Amino acid sequence: MPNELQQQVNQLSARLEALTAEVYNNNFTSSQDFNKFTRFNTRLKVPIFAVAPTVAEIGELYANSTNGRLFVCTAANVWTLVGLQS
């Protein structure tokens, strides 16, 4: 019985290591990060609305046409002011 439990623990450990490696490789490769973020040399077109959209996904941006402020979606359907704008 103890040998069987140890085999199960070893299998689970191997699966966890494989899953961790897969997640790391898909999200944190250095060349991928540098290419995505440090060489951003294009214009970003931000949609302009008078009222915040009611449906949004995390990471979306919009500019308010009445006061010129920039907002980012920080949670599903939640808009947050970017920076310290007056």
Protein backbone atom coordinates (compact mmCIF):
# COMPACT_ATOMS: atom_id res chain seq x y z
CA MET A 1 0.00 0.00 0.00
CA PRO A 2 2.70 2.61 0.85
CA ASN A 3 4.51 1.81 -2.41
CA GLU A 4 1.29 2.39 -4.36
CA LEU A 5 0.74 5.75 -2.65
CA GLN A 6 4.30 6.79 -3.42
CA GLN A 7 3.77 5.94 -7.09
CA GLN A 8 0.64 8.12 -7.15
CA VAL A 9 2.54 10.99 -5.52
CA ASN A 10 5.34 10.62 -8.07
CA GLN A 11 2.86 10.64 -10.96
CA LEU A 12 1.12 13.73 -9.65
CA SER A 13 4.45 15.45 -9.12
CA ALA A 14 5.53 14.68 -12.69
CA ARG A 15 2.22 15.99 -14.06
CA LEU A 16 2.54 19.19 -12.03
CA GLU A 17 6.09 19.76 -13.27
CA ALA A 18 4.98 19.22 -16.88
CA LEU A 19 2.04 21.61 -16.47
CA THR A 20 4.24 24.27 -14.85
CA ALA A 21 6.78 23.99 -17.66
CA GLU A 22 4.05 24.28 -20.28
CA VAL A 23 2.54 27.38 -18.69
CA TYR A 24 5.96 28.98 -18.29
CA ASN A 25 7.00 28.23 -21.88
CA ASN A 26 3.75 29.61 -23.30
CA ASN A 27 3.82 32.83 -21.30
CA PHE A 28 7.31 33.76 -20.21
CA THR A 29 9.85 33.13 -22.93
CA SER A 30 12.26 36.05 -22.95
CA SER A 31 12.29 36.58 -26.72
CA GLN A 32 8.51 36.61 -26.77
CA ASP A 33 8.32 39.22 -23.97
CA PHE A 34 10.92 41.53 -25.51
CA ASN A 35 9.39 41.38 -28.97
CA LYS A 36 5.92 42.08 -27.62
CA PHE A 37 6.63 44.94 -25.30
CA THR A 38 9.94 46.72 -25.91
CA ARG A 39 9.61 47.18 -29.65
CA PHE A 40 6.15 48.69 -29.66
CA ASN A 41 6.58 51.39 -32.29
CA THR A 42 3.17 51.91 -33.77
CA ARG A 43 0.16 54.08 -33.04
CA LEU A 44 -2.55 52.84 -30.78
CA LYS A 45 -6.05 53.86 -31.83
CA VAL A 46 -8.24 54.24 -28.76
CA PRO A 47 -12.02 54.34 -29.21
CA ILE A 48 -13.74 57.49 -27.97
CA PHE A 49 -17.12 57.41 -26.21
CA ALA A 50 -19.14 59.93 -24.19
CA VAL A 51 -20.21 57.18 -21.77
CA ALA A 52 -18.26 54.11 -20.67
CA PRO A 53 -19.21 50.95 -22.58
CA THR A 54 -21.32 48.60 -20.48
CA VAL A 55 -19.56 45.43 -21.71
CA ALA A 56 -15.76 45.22 -21.64
CA GLU A 57 -12.93 42.74 -21.31
CA ILE A 58 -9.81 43.22 -19.22
CA GLY A 59 -7.22 45.34 -21.04
CA GLU A 60 -9.59 47.29 -23.27
CA LEU A 61 -9.16 51.07 -23.44
CA TYR A 62 -11.46 53.96 -24.15
CA ALA A 63 -11.17 57.74 -24.07
CA ASN A 64 -14.01 59.85 -22.71
CA SER A 65 -15.06 62.43 -25.30
CA THR A 66 -16.45 64.88 -22.74
CA ASN A 67 -13.39 65.23 -20.49
CA GLY A 68 -10.58 63.60 -22.52
CA ARG A 69 -9.69 61.09 -19.82
CA LEU A 70 -8.29 57.64 -20.63
CA PHE A 71 -9.79 54.54 -19.00
CA VAL A 72 -8.74 50.88 -18.92
CA CYS A 73 -10.90 47.86 -18.15
CA THR A 74 -9.38 46.29 -15.01
CA ALA A 75 -12.03 43.61 -14.44
CA ALA A 76 -15.00 42.41 -16.47
CA ASN A 77 -17.12 45.51 -17.17
CA VAL A 78 -15.14 47.69 -14.71
CA TRP A 79 -13.44 50.87 -16.00
CA THR A 80 -10.55 52.54 -14.12
CA LEU A 81 -9.00 55.94 -14.80
CA VAL A 82 -5.43 55.65 -16.11
CA GLY A 83 -2.83 57.60 -14.15
CA LEU A 84 -3.27 60.91 -12.35
CA GLN A 85 -5.21 62.92 -14.90
CA SER A 86 -6.76 66.22 -13.91
